[in-house]
C-alpha atoms as a PDB file:
ATOM      1  CA  UNK A   1      14.064   6.978  39.277  1.00  0.00           C
ATOM      2  CA  UNK A   2      12.319   3.584  39.302  1.00  0.00           C
ATOM      3  CA  UNK A   3       9.206   5.152  40.767  1.00  0.00           C
ATOM      4  CA  UNK A   4       9.084   7.576  37.852  1.00  0.00           C
ATOM      5  CA  UNK A   5       9.400   4.792  35.281  1.00  0.00           C
ATOM      6  CA  UNK A   6       6.622   2.803  36.868  1.00  0.00           C
ATOM      7  CA  UNK A   7       4.411   5.858  36.990  1.00  0.00           C
ATOM      8  CA  UNK A   8       4.961   6.564  33.309  1.00  0.00           C
ATOM      9  CA  UNK A   9       4.284   2.978  32.299  1.00  0.00           C
ATOM     10  CA  UNK A  10       1.086   2.916  34.406  1.00  0.00           C
ATOM     11  CA  UNK A  11      -0.114   6.139  32.928  1.00  0.00           C
ATOM     12  CA  UNK A  12       0.507   4.833  29.316  1.00  0.00           C
ATOM     13  CA  UNK A  13      -1.400   1.634  30.246  1.00  0.00           C
ATOM     14  CA  UNK A  14      -4.350   3.650  31.473  1.00  0.00           C
ATOM     15  CA  UNK A  15      -4.413   5.828  28.321  1.00  0.00           C
ATOM     16  CA  UNK A  16      -4.246   2.757  26.082  1.00  0.00           C
ATOM     17  CA  UNK A  17      -7.011   0.938  27.970  1.00  0.00           C
ATOM     18  CA  UNK A  18      -9.378   3.926  28.142  1.00  0.00           C
ATOM     19  CA  UNK A  19      -9.032   5.130  24.561  1.00  0.00           C
ATOM     20  CA  UNK A  20     -11.730   4.281  22.097  1.00  0.00           C
ATOM     21  CA  UNK A  21     -10.260   1.962  19.431  1.00  0.00           C
ATOM     22  CA  UNK A  22     -13.137   2.663  17.009  1.00  0.00           C
ATOM     23  CA  UNK A  23     -11.959   6.252  16.620  1.00  0.00           C
ATOM     24  CA  UNK A  24      -8.304   5.573  16.122  1.00  0.00           C
ATOM     25  CA  UNK A  25      -8.306   2.679  13.674  1.00  0.00           C
ATOM     26  CA  UNK A  26     -10.420   1.142  10.940  1.00  0.00           C
ATOM     27  CA  UNK A  27     -10.973  -2.546  10.097  1.00  0.00           C
ATOM     28  CA  UNK A  28      -8.599  -3.773   7.429  1.00  0.00           C
ATOM     29  CA  UNK A  29     -11.341  -4.358   4.855  1.00  0.00           C
ATOM     30  CA  UNK A  30     -12.925  -0.935   5.271  1.00  0.00           C
ATOM     31  CA  UNK A  31     -12.179   1.507   2.447  1.00  0.00           C
ATOM     32  CA  UNK A  32      -9.825   4.431   3.222  1.00  0.00           C
ATOM     33  CA  UNK A  33     -11.603   7.716   3.701  1.00  0.00           C
ATOM     34  CA  UNK A  34      -8.590   9.944   4.258  1.00  0.00           C
ATOM     35  CA  UNK A  35      -7.921  10.731   0.587  1.00  0.00           C
ATOM     36  CA  UNK A  36      -5.144   8.199   0.253  1.00  0.00           C
ATOM     37  CA  UNK A  37      -6.682   6.749  -2.831  1.00  0.00           C
ATOM     38  CA  UNK A  38      -8.273   8.727  -5.702  1.00  0.00           C
ATOM     39  CA  UNK A  39     -10.127   7.943  -8.864  1.00  0.00           C
ATOM     40  CA  UNK A  40      -8.108   7.421 -11.967  1.00  0.00           C
ATOM     41  CA  UNK A  41      -9.401  10.493 -13.761  1.00  0.00           C
ATOM     42  CA  UNK A  42      -8.731  12.747 -10.745  1.00  0.00           C
ATOM     43  CA  UNK A  43      -5.187  11.348 -10.482  1.00  0.00           C
ATOM     44  CA  UNK A  44      -4.537  11.959 -14.072  1.00  0.00           C
ATOM     45  CA  UNK A  45      -5.367  15.613 -13.568  1.00  0.00           C
ATOM     46  CA  UNK A  46      -3.002  15.908 -10.606  1.00  0.00           C
ATOM     47  CA  UNK A  47      -0.084  13.999 -12.080  1.00  0.00           C
ATOM     48  CA  UNK A  48       1.896  15.929 -14.591  1.00  0.00           C
ATOM     49  CA  UNK A  49       1.583  14.429 -18.026  1.00  0.00           C
ATOM     50  CA  UNK A  50       4.691  13.764 -20.050  1.00  0.00           C
ATOM     51  CA  UNK A  51       5.052  16.255 -22.758  1.00  0.00           C
ATOM     52  CA  UNK A  52       5.466  15.177 -26.397  1.00  0.00           C
ATOM     53  CA  UNK A  53       8.907  15.652 -27.807  1.00  0.00           C
ATOM     54  CA  UNK A  54       7.869  18.434 -30.152  1.00  0.00           C
ATOM     55  CA  UNK A  55       6.876  20.655 -27.203  1.00  0.00           C
ATOM     56  CA  UNK A  56      10.366  21.341 -25.916  1.00  0.00           C
ATOM     57  CA  UNK A  57      11.310  24.918 -25.252  1.00  0.00           C
ATOM     58  CA  UNK A  58      14.215  26.656 -26.971  1.00  0.00           C
ATOM     59  CA  UNK A  59      16.266  26.451 -23.826  1.00  0.00           C
ATOM     60  CA  UNK A  60      15.670  22.719 -23.466  1.00  0.00           C
ATOM     61  CA  UNK A  61      16.601  22.141 -27.092  1.00  0.00           C
ATOM     62  CA  UNK A  62      19.734  24.197 -26.693  1.00  0.00           C
ATOM     63  CA  UNK A  63      20.884  22.168 -23.657  1.00  0.00           C
ATOM     64  CA  UNK A  64      20.308  18.958 -25.610  1.00  0.00           C
ATOM     65  CA  UNK A  65      22.348  20.476 -28.491  1.00  0.00           C
ATOM     66  CA  UNK A  66      25.215  21.371 -26.142  1.00  0.00           C
ATOM     67  CA  UNK A  67      25.385  17.778 -24.835  1.00  0.00           C
ATOM     68  CA  UNK A  68      25.229  16.288 -28.297  1.00  0.00           C
ATOM     69  CA  UNK A  69      27.990  18.588 -29.709  1.00  0.00           C
ATOM     70  CA  UNK A  70      30.522  16.991 -27.394  1.00  0.00           C
ATOM     71  CA  UNK A  71      30.164  13.627 -29.156  1.00  0.00           C
ATOM     72  CA  UNK A  72      31.386  13.594 -32.844  1.00  0.00           C
ATOM     73  CA  UNK A  73      28.919  11.001 -33.937  1.00  0.00           C
ATOM     74  CA  UNK A  74      25.876  12.624 -32.298  1.00  0.00           C
ATOM     75  CA  UNK A  75      27.007  15.974 -33.713  1.00  0.00           C
ATOM     76  CA  UNK A  76      26.985  14.551 -37.284  1.00  0.00           C
ATOM     77  CA  UNK A  77      23.635  12.801 -36.787  1.00  0.00           C
ATOM     78  CA  UNK A  78      22.195  16.070 -35.308  1.00  0.00           C
ATOM     79  CA  UNK A  79      23.086  17.817 -38.595  1.00  0.00           C
ATOM     80  CA  UNK A  80      21.341  15.289 -40.773  1.00  0.00           C
ATOM     81  CA  UNK A  81      18.409  13.862 -38.684  1.00  0.00           C
ATOM     82  CA  UNK A  82      17.827  16.517 -36.087  1.00  0.00           C
ATOM     83  CA  UNK A  83      18.658  17.149 -32.438  1.00  0.00           C
ATOM     84  CA  UNK A  84      15.963  14.972 -30.999  1.00  0.00           C
ATOM     85  CA  UNK A  85      16.728  11.851 -33.031  1.00  0.00           C
ATOM     86  CA  UNK A  86      20.429  12.285 -32.421  1.00  0.00           C
ATOM     87  CA  UNK A  87      20.099  12.761 -28.712  1.00  0.00           C
ATOM     88  CA  UNK A  88      17.731   9.907 -28.350  1.00  0.00           C
ATOM     89  CA  UNK A  89      19.998   7.570 -30.349  1.00  0.00           C
ATOM     90  CA  UNK A  90      23.141   8.290 -28.326  1.00  0.00           C
ATOM     91  CA  UNK A  91      21.910   9.142 -24.848  1.00  0.00           C
ATOM     92  CA  UNK A  92      18.428   7.605 -24.597  1.00  0.00           C
ATOM     93  CA  UNK A  93      15.266   9.156 -23.434  1.00  0.00           C
ATOM     94  CA  UNK A  94      15.088  12.944 -23.124  1.00  0.00           C
ATOM     95  CA  UNK A  95      15.192  13.806 -19.428  1.00  0.00           C
ATOM     96  CA  UNK A  96      12.401  16.443 -19.572  1.00  0.00           C
END
């Protein structure tokens, strides 16, 4: 058992000493070339933009309405000022 452990450690040492470090790692001040960082305009195309409040679908508006109907104050405000204003006033930012 000890012989096997010594053999494994020796083989790992040989692999570490014979591997070329310039292939495996880059200097810390070198720019990343793997695509980890992208330009701002490219990132804005990839990241989903937050939609404006007026672009909610009927199903989304209905789900907001169902939540707001459970609160009497929100329900009254919904009738006078609209669902989006009422939901935002009572529950904060719209989740979608």
